[in-house]
């Protein structure tokens, strides 16, 4: 691709992201300055969330929400939660997934520190 073709592709991708999300996430804003990275990154993202797989779109976004909660990624939590709800996720589905994964992440860190502090032996 030529530089002009890359720039047009980047603009097309950013417009699609704006339409879907209502804004352009920081990750896309920064990566879009490097079409050699951004175009493949966007292709992978599209392949994961848009292509037909064994998971329907709602489930894909609930899985992404669980991962975002487990990683503590506040912006991704909000985006994936909004997408999940837009695709039909119930309040209960969102609550259970986000709360559980966030809880287990914090417990993982805090219980290890607790065990270390009080001399508890872990397997």
PDB file of N, CA and C in Angstrom:
ATOM      1  N   UNK A   1       0.830  -1.188   0.000  1.00  0.00           N
ATOM      2  CA  UNK A   1       0.000   0.000   0.000  1.00  0.00           C
ATOM      3  C   UNK A   1       0.871   1.247   0.000  1.00  0.00           C
ATOM      4  N   UNK A   2       0.361   2.271  -0.650  1.00  0.00           N
ATOM      5  CA  UNK A   2       1.063   3.550  -0.628  1.00  0.00           C
ATOM      6  C   UNK A   2       0.705   4.292   0.653  1.00  0.00           C
ATOM      7  N   UNK A   3       1.437   5.336   0.924  1.00  0.00           N
ATOM      8  CA  UNK A   3       1.165   6.150   2.107  1.00  0.00           C
ATOM      9  C   UNK A   3      -0.251   6.728   2.045  1.00  0.00           C
ATOM     10  N   UNK A   4      -0.662   7.183   0.877  1.00  0.00           N
ATOM     11  CA  UNK A   4      -2.012   7.732   0.707  1.00  0.00           C
ATOM     12  C   UNK A   4      -3.081   6.667   0.949  1.00  0.00           C
ATOM     13  N   UNK A   5      -2.846   5.467   0.462  1.00  0.00           N
ATOM     14  CA  UNK A   5      -3.800   4.374   0.681  1.00  0.00           C
ATOM     15  C   UNK A   5      -3.895   4.022   2.159  1.00  0.00           C
ATOM     16  N   UNK A   6      -2.737   3.996   2.833  1.00  0.00           N
ATOM     17  CA  UNK A   6      -2.726   3.739   4.277  1.00  0.00           C
ATOM     18  C   UNK A   6      -3.519   4.798   5.023  1.00  0.00           C
ATOM     19  N   UNK A   7      -3.309   6.061   4.670  1.00  0.00           N
ATOM     20  CA  UNK A   7      -4.025   7.148   5.340  1.00  0.00           C
ATOM     21  C   UNK A   7      -5.531   7.042   5.141  1.00  0.00           C
ATOM     22  N   UNK A   8      -5.964   6.684   3.943  1.00  0.00           N
ATOM     23  CA  UNK A   8      -7.394   6.507   3.668  1.00  0.00           C
ATOM     24  C   UNK A   8      -7.942   5.327   4.468  1.00  0.00           C
ATOM     25  N   UNK A   9      -7.171   4.263   4.543  1.00  0.00           N
ATOM     26  CA  UNK A   9      -7.595   3.086   5.319  1.00  0.00           C
ATOM     27  C   UNK A   9      -7.719   3.446   6.790  1.00  0.00           C
ATOM     28  N   UNK A  10      -6.758   4.179   7.317  1.00  0.00           N
ATOM     29  CA  UNK A  10      -6.797   4.602   8.722  1.00  0.00           C
ATOM     30  C   UNK A  10      -8.044   5.446   8.971  1.00  0.00           C
ATOM     31  N   UNK A  11      -8.322   6.406   8.104  1.00  0.00           N
ATOM     32  CA  UNK A  11      -9.506   7.262   8.283  1.00  0.00           C
ATOM     33  C   UNK A  11     -10.795   6.451   8.223  1.00  0.00           C
ATOM     34  N   UNK A  12     -10.856   5.494   7.332  1.00  0.00           N
ATOM     35  CA  UNK A  12     -12.038   4.625   7.221  1.00  0.00           C
ATOM     36  C   UNK A  12     -12.234   3.821   8.514  1.00  0.00           C
ATOM     37  N   UNK A  13     -11.150   3.294   9.051  1.00  0.00           N
ATOM     38  CA  UNK A  13     -11.221   2.523  10.297  1.00  0.00           C
ATOM     39  C   UNK A  13     -11.653   3.424  11.453  1.00  0.00           C
ATOM     40  N   UNK A  14     -11.048   4.598  11.557  1.00  0.00           N
ATOM     41  CA  UNK A  14     -11.383   5.514  12.647  1.00  0.00           C
ATOM     42  C   UNK A  14     -12.850   5.945  12.571  1.00  0.00           C
ATOM     43  N   UNK A  15     -13.351   6.162  11.374  1.00  0.00           N
ATOM     44  CA  UNK A  15     -14.761   6.534  11.216  1.00  0.00           C
ATOM     45  C   UNK A  15     -15.679   5.396  11.659  1.00  0.00           C
ATOM     46  N   UNK A  16     -15.302   4.158  11.310  1.00  0.00           N
ATOM     47  CA  UNK A  16     -16.091   3.000  11.750  1.00  0.00           C
ATOM     48  C   UNK A  16     -16.080   2.885  13.278  1.00  0.00           C
ATOM     49  N   UNK A  17     -14.926   3.096  13.872  1.00  0.00           N
ATOM     50  CA  UNK A  17     -14.806   3.042  15.333  1.00  0.00           C
ATOM     51  C   UNK A  17     -15.668   4.130  15.971  1.00  0.00           C
ATOM     52  N   UNK A  18     -15.608   5.347  15.423  1.00  0.00           N
ATOM     53  CA  UNK A  18     -16.428   6.458  15.932  1.00  0.00           C
ATOM     54  C   UNK A  18     -17.910   6.110  15.865  1.00  0.00           C
ATOM     55  N   UNK A  19     -18.300   5.499  14.771  1.00  0.00           N
ATOM     56  CA  UNK A  19     -19.716   5.139  14.578  1.00  0.00           C
ATOM     57  C   UNK A  19     -20.147   4.075  15.589  1.00  0.00           C
ATOM     58  N   UNK A  20     -19.326   3.089  15.808  1.00  0.00           N
ATOM     59  CA  UNK A  20     -19.656   1.998  16.716  1.00  0.00           C
ATOM     60  C   UNK A  20     -19.583   2.430  18.177  1.00  0.00           C
ATOM     61  N   UNK A  21     -18.504   3.108  18.538  1.00  0.00           N
ATOM     62  CA  UNK A  21     -18.258   3.456  19.944  1.00  0.00           C
ATOM     63  C   UNK A  21     -18.798   4.824  20.341  1.00  0.00           C
ATOM     64  N   UNK A  22     -18.972   5.704  19.369  1.00  0.00           N
ATOM     65  CA  UNK A  22     -19.365   7.064  19.686  1.00  0.00           C
ATOM     66  C   UNK A  22     -18.164   7.959  19.954  1.00  0.00           C
ATOM     67  N   UNK A  23     -16.983   7.399  19.918  1.00  0.00           N
ATOM     68  CA  UNK A  23     -15.728   8.114  20.131  1.00  0.00           C
ATOM     69  C   UNK A  23     -14.609   7.223  19.632  1.00  0.00           C
ATOM     70  N   UNK A  24     -13.397   7.759  19.626  1.00  0.00           N
ATOM     71  CA  UNK A  24     -12.224   6.965  19.239  1.00  0.00           C
ATOM     72  C   UNK A  24     -11.394   6.725  20.494  1.00  0.00           C
ATOM     73  N   UNK A  25     -11.278   5.451  20.922  1.00  0.00           N
ATOM     74  CA  UNK A  25     -10.476   5.151  22.115  1.00  0.00           C
ATOM     75  C   UNK A  25      -9.031   5.618  21.966  1.00  0.00           C
ATOM     76  N   UNK A  26      -8.424   5.916  23.101  1.00  0.00           N
ATOM     77  CA  UNK A  26      -7.046   6.403  23.129  1.00  0.00           C
ATOM     78  C   UNK A  26      -6.108   5.453  22.383  1.00  0.00           C
ATOM     79  N   UNK A  27      -6.285   4.157  22.589  1.00  0.00           N
ATOM     80  CA  UNK A  27      -5.437   3.170  21.907  1.00  0.00           C
ATOM     81  C   UNK A  27      -5.455   3.389  20.400  1.00  0.00           C
ATOM     82  N   UNK A  28      -6.650   3.579  19.856  1.00  0.00           N
ATOM     83  CA  UNK A  28      -6.770   3.784  18.415  1.00  0.00           C
ATOM     84  C   UNK A  28      -6.206   5.137  17.990  1.00  0.00           C
ATOM     85  N   UNK A  29      -6.411   6.155  18.817  1.00  0.00           N
ATOM     86  CA  UNK A  29      -5.871   7.472  18.479  1.00  0.00           C
ATOM     87  C   UNK A  29      -4.352   7.411  18.330  1.00  0.00           C
ATOM     88  N   UNK A  30      -3.710   6.778  19.279  1.00  0.00           N
ATOM     89  CA  UNK A  30      -2.241   6.714  19.260  1.00  0.00           C
ATOM     90  C   UNK A  30      -1.743   5.789  18.146  1.00  0.00           C
ATOM     91  N   UNK A  31      -2.305   4.591  18.083  1.00  0.00           N
ATOM     92  CA  UNK A  31      -1.843   3.641  17.062  1.00  0.00           C
ATOM     93  C   UNK A  31      -2.123   4.115  15.642  1.00  0.00           C
ATOM     94  N   UNK A  32      -3.156   4.923  15.457  1.00  0.00           N
ATOM     95  CA  UNK A  32      -3.487   5.383  14.106  1.00  0.00           C
ATOM     96  C   UNK A  32      -2.384   6.248  13.505  1.00  0.00           C
ATOM     97  N   UNK A  33      -1.498   6.743  14.352  1.00  0.00           N
ATOM     98  CA  UNK A  33      -0.354   7.513  13.859  1.00  0.00           C
ATOM     99  C   UNK A  33       0.687   6.604  13.202  1.00  0.00           C
ATOM    100  N   UNK A  34       0.544   5.300  13.425  1.00  0.00           N
ATOM    101  CA  UNK A  34       1.440   4.296  12.824  1.00  0.00           C
ATOM    102  C   UNK A  34       0.598   3.304  12.025  1.00  0.00           C
ATOM    103  N   UNK A  35       0.233   3.654  10.798  1.00  0.00           N
ATOM    104  CA  UNK A  35      -0.604   2.762   9.999  1.00  0.00           C
ATOM    105  C   UNK A  35      -0.067   1.335   9.899  1.00  0.00           C
ATOM    106  N   UNK A  36       1.256   1.174   9.913  1.00  0.00           N
ATOM    107  CA  UNK A  36       1.852  -0.164   9.819  1.00  0.00           C
ATOM    108  C   UNK A  36       1.471  -1.033  11.015  1.00  0.00           C
ATOM    109  N   UNK A  37       1.159  -0.425  12.150  1.00  0.00           N
ATOM    110  CA  UNK A  37       0.703  -1.152  13.335  1.00  0.00           C
ATOM    111  C   UNK A  37      -0.819  -1.125  13.458  1.00  0.00           C
ATOM    112  N   UNK A  38      -1.392   0.027  13.173  1.00  0.00           N
ATOM    113  CA  UNK A  38      -2.822   0.233  13.392  1.00  0.00           C
ATOM    114  C   UNK A  38      -3.696  -0.609  12.464  1.00  0.00           C
ATOM    115  N   UNK A  39      -3.352  -0.695  11.217  1.00  0.00           N
ATOM    116  CA  UNK A  39      -4.181  -1.436  10.262  1.00  0.00           C
ATOM    117  C   UNK A  39      -4.247  -2.918  10.636  1.00  0.00           C
ATOM    118  N   UNK A  40      -3.124  -3.597  10.901  1.00  0.00           N
ATOM    119  CA  UNK A  40      -3.220  -5.000  11.335  1.00  0.00           C
ATOM    120  C   UNK A  40      -3.928  -5.155  12.688  1.00  0.00           C
ATOM    121  N   UNK A  41      -3.670  -4.233  13.618  1.00  0.00           N
ATOM    122  CA  UNK A  41      -4.333  -4.254  14.931  1.00  0.00           C
ATOM    123  C   UNK A  41      -5.852  -4.191  14.749  1.00  0.00           C
ATOM    124  N   UNK A  42      -6.303  -3.288  13.889  1.00  0.00           N
ATOM    125  CA  UNK A  42      -7.739  -3.127  13.645  1.00  0.00           C
ATOM    126  C   UNK A  42      -8.322  -4.338  12.932  1.00  0.00           C
ATOM    127  N   UNK A  43      -7.545  -4.923  12.043  1.00  0.00           N
ATOM    128  CA  UNK A  43      -8.007  -6.136  11.349  1.00  0.00           C
ATOM    129  C   UNK A  43      -8.205  -7.280  12.332  1.00  0.00           C
ATOM    130  N   UNK A  44      -7.275  -7.428  13.267  1.00  0.00           N
ATOM    131  CA  UNK A  44      -7.397  -8.477  14.278  1.00  0.00           C
ATOM    132  C   UNK A  44      -8.622  -8.237  15.149  1.00  0.00           C
ATOM    133  N   UNK A  45      -8.784  -7.003  15.612  1.00  0.00           N
ATOM    134  CA  UNK A  45      -9.937  -6.654  16.442  1.00  0.00           C
ATOM    135  C   UNK A  45     -11.242  -6.948  15.712  1.00  0.00           C
ATOM    136  N   UNK A  46     -11.310  -6.538  14.462  1.00  0.00           N
ATOM    137  CA  UNK A  46     -12.508  -6.794  13.659  1.00  0.00           C
ATOM    138  C   UNK A  46     -12.762  -8.279  13.479  1.00  0.00           C
ATOM    139  N   UNK A  47     -11.699  -9.032  13.244  1.00  0.00           N
ATOM    140  CA  UNK A  47     -11.849 -10.479  13.062  1.00  0.00           C
ATOM    141  C   UNK A  47     -12.385 -11.133  14.328  1.00  0.00           C
ATOM    142  N   UNK A  48     -11.941 -10.662  15.469  1.00  0.00           N
ATOM    143  CA  UNK A  48     -12.388 -11.243  16.734  1.00  0.00           C
ATOM    144  C   UNK A  48     -13.847 -10.905  17.011  1.00  0.00           C
ATOM    145  N   UNK A  49     -14.207  -9.635  16.875  1.00  0.00           N
ATOM    146  CA  UNK A  49     -15.540  -9.204  17.290  1.00  0.00           C
ATOM    147  C   UNK A  49     -16.594  -9.254  16.195  1.00  0.00           C
ATOM    148  N   UNK A  50     -16.199  -9.199  14.939  1.00  0.00           N
ATOM    149  CA  UNK A  50     -17.192  -9.118  13.865  1.00  0.00           C
ATOM    150  C   UNK A  50     -17.420 -10.428  13.121  1.00  0.00           C
ATOM    151  N   UNK A  51     -16.394 -11.253  12.989  1.00  0.00           N
ATOM    152  CA  UNK A  51     -16.541 -12.495  12.234  1.00  0.00           C
ATOM    153  C   UNK A  51     -17.355 -13.521  13.000  1.00  0.00           C
ATOM    154  N   UNK A  52     -18.002 -14.391  12.259  1.00  0.00           N
ATOM    155  CA  UNK A  52     -18.777 -15.468  12.866  1.00  0.00           C
ATOM    156  C   UNK A  52     -17.833 -16.479  13.511  1.00  0.00           C
ATOM    157  N   UNK A  53     -18.125 -16.813  14.742  1.00  0.00           N
ATOM    158  CA  UNK A  53     -17.377 -17.842  15.458  1.00  0.00           C
ATOM    159  C   UNK A  53     -18.384 -18.645  16.263  1.00  0.00           C
ATOM    160  N   UNK A  54     -17.904 -19.507  17.129  1.00  0.00           N
ATOM    161  CA  UNK A  54     -18.796 -20.287  17.983  1.00  0.00           C
ATOM    162  C   UNK A  54     -19.481 -19.415  19.022  1.00  0.00           C
ATOM    163  N   UNK A  55     -18.922 -18.213  19.284  1.00  0.00           N
ATOM    164  CA  UNK A  55     -19.523 -17.286  20.240  1.00  0.00           C
ATOM    165  C   UNK A  55     -20.322 -16.224  19.504  1.00  0.00           C
ATOM    166  N   UNK A  56     -21.518 -15.919  20.008  1.00  0.00           N
ATOM    167  CA  UNK A  56     -22.248 -14.809  19.426  1.00  0.00           C
ATOM    168  C   UNK A  56     -21.614 -13.498  19.892  1.00  0.00           C
ATOM    169  N   UNK A  57     -22.019 -12.389  19.285  1.00  0.00           N
ATOM    170  CA  UNK A  57     -21.384 -11.100  19.591  1.00  0.00           C
ATOM    171  C   UNK A  57     -21.554 -10.707  21.054  1.00  0.00           C
ATOM    172  N   UNK A  58     -22.729 -10.953  21.611  1.00  0.00           N
ATOM    173  CA  UNK A  58     -22.945 -10.599  23.017  1.00  0.00           C
ATOM    174  C   UNK A  58     -21.967 -11.355  23.905  1.00  0.00           C
ATOM    175  N   UNK A  59     -21.808 -12.635  23.660  1.00  0.00           N
ATOM    176  CA  UNK A  59     -20.897 -13.449  24.470  1.00  0.00           C
ATOM    177  C   UNK A  59     -19.461 -12.966  24.314  1.00  0.00           C
ATOM    178  N   UNK A  60     -19.070 -12.607  23.096  1.00  0.00           N
ATOM    179  CA  UNK A  60     -17.717 -12.091  22.878  1.00  0.00           C
ATOM    180  C   UNK A  60     -17.475 -10.848  23.731  1.00  0.00           C
ATOM    181  N   UNK A  61     -18.458  -9.965  23.767  1.00  0.00           N
ATOM    182  CA  UNK A  61     -18.281  -8.729  24.544  1.00  0.00           C
ATOM    183  C   UNK A  61     -18.369  -8.995  26.048  1.00  0.00           C
ATOM    184  N   UNK A  62     -19.147  -9.974  26.460  1.00  0.00           N
ATOM    185  CA  UNK A  62     -19.147 -10.347  27.880  1.00  0.00           C
ATOM    186  C   UNK A  62     -17.805 -10.953  28.272  1.00  0.00           C
ATOM    187  N   UNK A  63     -17.217 -11.747  27.395  1.00  0.00           N
ATOM    188  CA  UNK A  63     -15.881 -12.293  27.660  1.00  0.00           C
ATOM    189  C   UNK A  63     -14.848 -11.164  27.738  1.00  0.00           C
ATOM    190  N   UNK A  64     -14.965 -10.203  26.834  1.00  0.00           N
ATOM    191  CA  UNK A  64     -14.053  -9.059  26.869  1.00  0.00           C
ATOM    192  C   UNK A  64     -14.271  -8.235  28.138  1.00  0.00           C
ATOM    193  N   UNK A  65     -15.509  -8.133  28.584  1.00  0.00           N
ATOM    194  CA  UNK A  65     -15.805  -7.431  29.833  1.00  0.00           C
ATOM    195  C   UNK A  65     -15.149  -8.151  31.009  1.00  0.00           C
ATOM    196  N   UNK A  66     -15.239  -9.466  31.027  1.00  0.00           N
ATOM    197  CA  UNK A  66     -14.605 -10.238  32.103  1.00  0.00           C
ATOM    198  C   UNK A  66     -13.095 -10.017  32.101  1.00  0.00           C
ATOM    199  N   UNK A  67     -12.502 -10.028  30.921  1.00  0.00           N
ATOM    200  CA  UNK A  67     -11.053  -9.802  30.834  1.00  0.00           C
ATOM    201  C   UNK A  67     -10.702  -8.385  31.280  1.00  0.00           C
ATOM    202  N   UNK A  68     -11.491  -7.412  30.865  1.00  0.00           N
ATOM    203  CA  UNK A  68     -11.228  -6.019  31.264  1.00  0.00           C
ATOM    204  C   UNK A  68     -11.345  -5.857  32.773  1.00  0.00           C
ATOM    205  N   UNK A  69     -12.354  -6.500  33.363  1.00  0.00           N
ATOM    206  CA  UNK A  69     -12.527  -6.422  34.819  1.00  0.00           C
ATOM    207  C   UNK A  69     -11.357  -7.097  35.527  1.00  0.00           C
ATOM    208  N   UNK A  70     -10.947  -8.244  35.013  1.00  0.00           N
ATOM    209  CA  UNK A  70      -9.827  -8.970  35.628  1.00  0.00           C
ATOM    210  C   UNK A  70      -8.529  -8.174  35.527  1.00  0.00           C
ATOM    211  N   UNK A  71      -8.369  -7.436  34.443  1.00  0.00           N
ATOM    212  CA  UNK A  71      -7.156  -6.643  34.238  1.00  0.00           C
ATOM    213  C   UNK A  71      -7.251  -5.272  34.905  1.00  0.00           C
ATOM    214  N   UNK A  72      -8.441  -4.890  35.342  1.00  0.00           N
ATOM    215  CA  UNK A  72      -8.614  -3.589  35.974  1.00  0.00           C
ATOM    216  C   UNK A  72      -8.566  -2.437  34.986  1.00  0.00           C
ATOM    217  N   UNK A  73      -9.007  -2.670  33.768  1.00  0.00           N
ATOM    218  CA  UNK A  73      -8.980  -1.648  32.722  1.00  0.00           C
ATOM    219  C   UNK A  73     -10.305  -0.890  32.710  1.00  0.00           C
ATOM    220  N   UNK A  74     -10.309   0.244  33.396  1.00  0.00           N
ATOM    221  CA  UNK A  74     -11.546   1.009  33.595  1.00  0.00           C
ATOM    222  C   UNK A  74     -12.223   1.395  32.285  1.00  0.00           C
ATOM    223  N   UNK A  75     -11.456   1.890  31.331  1.00  0.00           N
ATOM    224  CA  UNK A  75     -12.051   2.324  30.072  1.00  0.00           C
ATOM    225  C   UNK A  75     -12.604   1.146  29.279  1.00  0.00           C
ATOM    226  N   UNK A  76     -11.883   0.043  29.271  1.00  0.00           N
ATOM    227  CA  UNK A  76     -12.364  -1.140  28.566  1.00  0.00           C
ATOM    228  C   UNK A  76     -13.608  -1.716  29.254  1.00  0.00           C
ATOM    229  N   UNK A  77     -13.653  -1.651  30.565  1.00  0.00           N
ATOM    230  CA  UNK A  77     -14.843  -2.118  31.284  1.00  0.00           C
ATOM    231  C   UNK A  77     -16.058  -1.343  30.802  1.00  0.00           C
ATOM    232  N   UNK A  78     -15.950  -0.027  30.784  1.00  0.00           N
ATOM    233  CA  UNK A  78     -17.085   0.798  30.351  1.00  0.00           C
ATOM    234  C   UNK A  78     -17.488   0.485  28.917  1.00  0.00           C
ATOM    235  N   UNK A  79     -16.510   0.406  28.021  1.00  0.00           N
ATOM    236  CA  UNK A  79     -16.822   0.148  26.609  1.00  0.00           C
ATOM    237  C   UNK A  79     -17.439  -1.224  26.407  1.00  0.00           C
ATOM    238  N   UNK A  80     -16.848  -2.248  27.007  1.00  0.00           N
ATOM    239  CA  UNK A  80     -17.374  -3.601  26.818  1.00  0.00           C
ATOM    240  C   UNK A  80     -18.736  -3.775  27.494  1.00  0.00           C
ATOM    241  N   UNK A  81     -18.934  -3.088  28.610  1.00  0.00           N
ATOM    242  CA  UNK A  81     -20.231  -3.147  29.281  1.00  0.00           C
ATOM    243  C   UNK A  81     -21.305  -2.522  28.384  1.00  0.00           C
ATOM    244  N   UNK A  82     -20.999  -1.355  27.829  1.00  0.00           N
ATOM    245  CA  UNK A  82     -21.947  -0.689  26.942  1.00  0.00           C
ATOM    246  C   UNK A  82     -22.255  -1.566  25.724  1.00  0.00           C
ATOM    247  N   UNK A  83     -21.227  -2.151  25.125  1.00  0.00           N
ATOM    248  CA  UNK A  83     -21.429  -3.013  23.960  1.00  0.00           C
ATOM    249  C   UNK A  83     -22.252  -4.250  24.324  1.00  0.00           C
ATOM    250  N   UNK A  84     -21.948  -4.855  25.465  1.00  0.00           N
ATOM    251  CA  UNK A  84     -22.683  -6.044  25.900  1.00  0.00           C
ATOM    252  C   UNK A  84     -24.162  -5.742  26.075  1.00  0.00           C
ATOM    253  N   UNK A  85     -24.463  -4.634  26.724  1.00  0.00           N
ATOM    254  CA  UNK A  85     -25.860  -4.241  26.948  1.00  0.00           C
ATOM    255  C   UNK A  85     -26.543  -3.939  25.615  1.00  0.00           C
ATOM    256  N   UNK A  86     -25.851  -3.236  24.732  1.00  0.00           N
ATOM    257  CA  UNK A  86     -26.423  -2.928  23.419  1.00  0.00           C
ATOM    258  C   UNK A  86     -26.737  -4.199  22.637  1.00  0.00           C
ATOM    259  N   UNK A  87     -25.997  -5.266  22.914  1.00  0.00           N
ATOM    260  CA  UNK A  87     -26.212  -6.542  22.229  1.00  0.00           C
ATOM    261  C   UNK A  87     -27.172  -7.459  22.987  1.00  0.00           C
ATOM    262  N   UNK A  88     -27.784  -6.943  24.066  1.00  0.00           N
ATOM    263  CA  UNK A  88     -28.810  -7.704  24.765  1.00  0.00           C
ATOM    264  C   UNK A  88     -28.431  -8.292  26.105  1.00  0.00           C
ATOM    265  N   UNK A  89     -27.240  -8.007  26.601  1.00  0.00           N
ATOM    266  CA  UNK A  89     -26.862  -8.539  27.919  1.00  0.00           C
ATOM    267  C   UNK A  89     -27.760  -7.924  28.983  1.00  0.00           C
ATOM    268  N   UNK A  90     -28.140  -8.739  29.926  1.00  0.00           N
ATOM    269  CA  UNK A  90     -28.992  -8.263  31.008  1.00  0.00           C
ATOM    270  C   UNK A  90     -28.141  -7.617  32.101  1.00  0.00           C
ATOM    271  N   UNK A  91     -28.805  -6.884  32.964  1.00  0.00           N
ATOM    272  CA  UNK A  91     -28.111  -6.264  34.090  1.00  0.00           C
ATOM    273  C   UNK A  91     -27.448  -7.337  34.946  1.00  0.00           C
ATOM    274  N   UNK A  92     -28.132  -8.449  35.138  1.00  0.00           N
ATOM    275  CA  UNK A  92     -27.574  -9.539  35.949  1.00  0.00           C
ATOM    276  C   UNK A  92     -26.317 -10.123  35.299  1.00  0.00           C
ATOM    277  N   UNK A  93     -26.350 -10.347  33.981  1.00  0.00           N
ATOM    278  CA  UNK A  93     -25.176 -10.893  33.288  1.00  0.00           C
ATOM    279  C   UNK A  93     -23.977  -9.971  33.445  1.00  0.00           C
ATOM    280  N   UNK A  94     -24.191  -8.694  33.273  1.00  0.00           N
ATOM    281  CA  UNK A  94     -23.112  -7.720  33.383  1.00  0.00           C
ATOM    282  C   UNK A  94     -22.594  -7.668  34.815  1.00  0.00           C
ATOM    283  N   UNK A  95     -23.493  -7.617  35.774  1.00  0.00           N
ATOM    284  CA  UNK A  95     -23.096  -7.529  37.179  1.00  0.00           C
ATOM    285  C   UNK A  95     -22.290  -8.748  37.600  1.00  0.00           C
ATOM    286  N   UNK A  96     -22.789  -9.914  37.289  1.00  0.00           N
ATOM    287  CA  UNK A  96     -22.117 -11.143  37.713  1.00  0.00           C
ATOM    288  C   UNK A  96     -20.724 -11.235  37.109  1.00  0.00           C
ATOM    289  N   UNK A  97     -20.596 -10.975  35.837  1.00  0.00           N
ATOM    290  CA  UNK A  97     -19.302 -11.106  35.177  1.00  0.00           C
ATOM    291  C   UNK A  97     -18.321 -10.036  35.656  1.00  0.00           C
ATOM    292  N   UNK A  98     -18.729  -8.782  35.620  1.00  0.00           N
ATOM    293  CA  UNK A  98     -17.812  -7.703  35.992  1.00  0.00           C
ATOM    294  C   UNK A  98     -17.434  -7.774  37.466  1.00  0.00           C
ATOM    295  N   UNK A  99     -18.410  -7.997  38.315  1.00  0.00           N
ATOM    296  CA  UNK A  99     -18.130  -8.029  39.755  1.00  0.00           C
ATOM    297  C   UNK A  99     -17.264  -9.226  40.118  1.00  0.00           C
ATOM    298  N   UNK A 100     -17.586 -10.382  39.583  1.00  0.00           N
ATOM    299  CA  UNK A 100     -16.828 -11.581  39.930  1.00  0.00           C
ATOM    300  C   UNK A 100     -15.373 -11.474  39.485  1.00  0.00           C
ATOM    301  N   UNK A 101     -15.158 -11.074  38.252  1.00  0.00           N
ATOM    302  CA  UNK A 101     -13.790 -11.018  37.743  1.00  0.00           C
ATOM    303  C   UNK A 101     -12.984  -9.933  38.440  1.00  0.00           C
ATOM    304  N   UNK A 102     -13.598  -8.803  38.737  1.00  0.00           N
ATOM    305  CA  UNK A 102     -12.900  -7.765  39.483  1.00  0.00           C
ATOM    306  C   UNK A 102     -12.563  -8.228  40.893  1.00  0.00           C
ATOM    307  N   UNK A 103     -13.498  -8.950  41.493  1.00  0.00           N
ATOM    308  CA  UNK A 103     -13.304  -9.441  42.860  1.00  0.00           C
ATOM    309  C   UNK A 103     -12.159 -10.461  42.909  1.00  0.00           C
ATOM    310  N   UNK A 104     -12.146 -11.404  41.990  1.00  0.00           N
ATOM    311  CA  UNK A 104     -11.112 -12.438  42.043  1.00  0.00           C
ATOM    312  C   UNK A 104      -9.729 -11.855  41.780  1.00  0.00           C
ATOM    313  N   UNK A 105      -9.644 -10.816  40.958  1.00  0.00           N
ATOM    314  CA  UNK A 105      -8.355 -10.177  40.712  1.00  0.00           C
ATOM    315  C   UNK A 105      -7.828  -9.562  42.004  1.00  0.00           C
ATOM    316  N   UNK A 106      -8.675  -8.806  42.676  1.00  0.00           N
ATOM    317  CA  UNK A 106      -8.211  -8.148  43.901  1.00  0.00           C
ATOM    318  C   UNK A 106      -7.912  -9.175  44.993  1.00  0.00           C
ATOM    319  N   UNK A 107      -8.707 -10.226  45.065  1.00  0.00           N
ATOM    320  CA  UNK A 107      -8.449 -11.272  46.057  1.00  0.00           C
ATOM    321  C   UNK A 107      -7.125 -11.967  45.778  1.00  0.00           C
ATOM    322  N   UNK A 108      -6.814 -12.189  44.538  1.00  0.00           N
ATOM    323  CA  UNK A 108      -5.571 -12.847  44.176  1.00  0.00           C
ATOM    324  C   UNK A 108      -4.377 -12.088  44.736  1.00  0.00           C
ATOM    325  N   UNK A 109      -4.373 -10.786  44.557  1.00  0.00           N
ATOM    326  CA  UNK A 109      -3.277  -9.973  45.081  1.00  0.00           C
ATOM    327  C   UNK A 109      -3.318  -9.861  46.598  1.00  0.00           C
ATOM    328  N   UNK A 110      -4.488  -9.523  47.115  1.00  0.00           N
ATOM    329  CA  UNK A 110      -4.572  -9.243  48.548  1.00  0.00           C
ATOM    330  C   UNK A 110      -4.383 -10.503  49.399  1.00  0.00           C
ATOM    331  N   UNK A 111      -4.895 -11.643  48.980  1.00  0.00           N
ATOM    332  CA  UNK A 111      -4.740 -12.857  49.772  1.00  0.00           C
ATOM    333  C   UNK A 111      -3.297 -13.359  49.756  1.00  0.00           C
ATOM    334  N   UNK A 112      -2.584 -13.155  48.673  1.00  0.00           N
ATOM    335  CA  UNK A 112      -1.161 -13.522  48.646  1.00  0.00           C
ATOM    336  C   UNK A 112      -0.375 -12.643  49.621  1.00  0.00           C
ATOM    337  N   UNK A 113      -0.664 -11.344  49.604  1.00  0.00           N
ATOM    338  CA  UNK A 113       0.007 -10.436  50.544  1.00  0.00           C
ATOM    339  C   UNK A 113      -0.360 -10.796  51.980  1.00  0.00           C
ATOM    340  N   UNK A 114      -1.607 -11.135  52.215  1.00  0.00           N
ATOM    341  CA  UNK A 114      -2.078 -11.542  53.546  1.00  0.00           C
ATOM    342  C   UNK A 114      -1.312 -12.779  54.018  1.00  0.00           C
ATOM    343  N   UNK A 115      -1.240 -13.787  53.152  1.00  0.00           N
ATOM    344  CA  UNK A 115      -0.549 -15.036  53.507  1.00  0.00           C
ATOM    345  C   UNK A 115       0.929 -14.774  53.818  1.00  0.00           C
ATOM    346  N   UNK A 116       1.546 -13.936  53.001  1.00  0.00           N
ATOM    347  CA  UNK A 116       2.948 -13.607  53.228  1.00  0.00           C
ATOM    348  C   UNK A 116       3.118 -12.861  54.561  1.00  0.00           C
ATOM    349  N   UNK A 117       2.281 -11.891  54.814  1.00  0.00           N
ATOM    350  CA  UNK A 117       2.376 -11.084  56.032  1.00  0.00           C
ATOM    351  C   UNK A 117       2.223 -11.919  57.284  1.00  0.00           C
ATOM    352  N   UNK A 118       1.309 -12.886  57.252  1.00  0.00           N
ATOM    353  CA  UNK A 118       1.019 -13.663  58.455  1.00  0.00           C
ATOM    354  C   UNK A 118       1.599 -15.072  58.430  1.00  0.00           C
ATOM    355  N   UNK A 119       2.564 -15.305  57.529  1.00  0.00           N
ATOM    356  CA  UNK A 119       3.283 -16.564  57.521  1.00  0.00           C
ATOM    357  C   UNK A 119       2.440 -17.763  57.103  1.00  0.00           C
ATOM    358  N   UNK A 120       1.399 -17.536  56.363  1.00  0.00           N
ATOM    359  CA  UNK A 120       0.560 -18.648  55.895  1.00  0.00           C
ATOM    360  C   UNK A 120       1.252 -19.318  54.719  1.00  0.00           C
ATOM    361  N   UNK A 121       1.319 -20.643  54.764  1.00  0.00           N
ATOM    362  CA  UNK A 121       1.933 -21.383  53.675  1.00  0.00           C
ATOM    363  C   UNK A 121       0.858 -21.693  52.632  1.00  0.00           C
ATOM    364  N   UNK A 122       1.159 -21.378  51.400  1.00  0.00           N
ATOM    365  CA  UNK A 122       0.234 -21.642  50.289  1.00  0.00           C
ATOM    366  C   UNK A 122       0.777 -22.777  49.440  1.00  0.00           C
ATOM    367  N   UNK A 123      -0.097 -23.498  48.812  1.00  0.00           N
ATOM    368  CA  UNK A 123       0.322 -24.589  47.910  1.00  0.00           C
ATOM    369  C   UNK A 123       0.864 -24.048  46.632  1.00  0.00           C
TER     370      UNK A 123
END
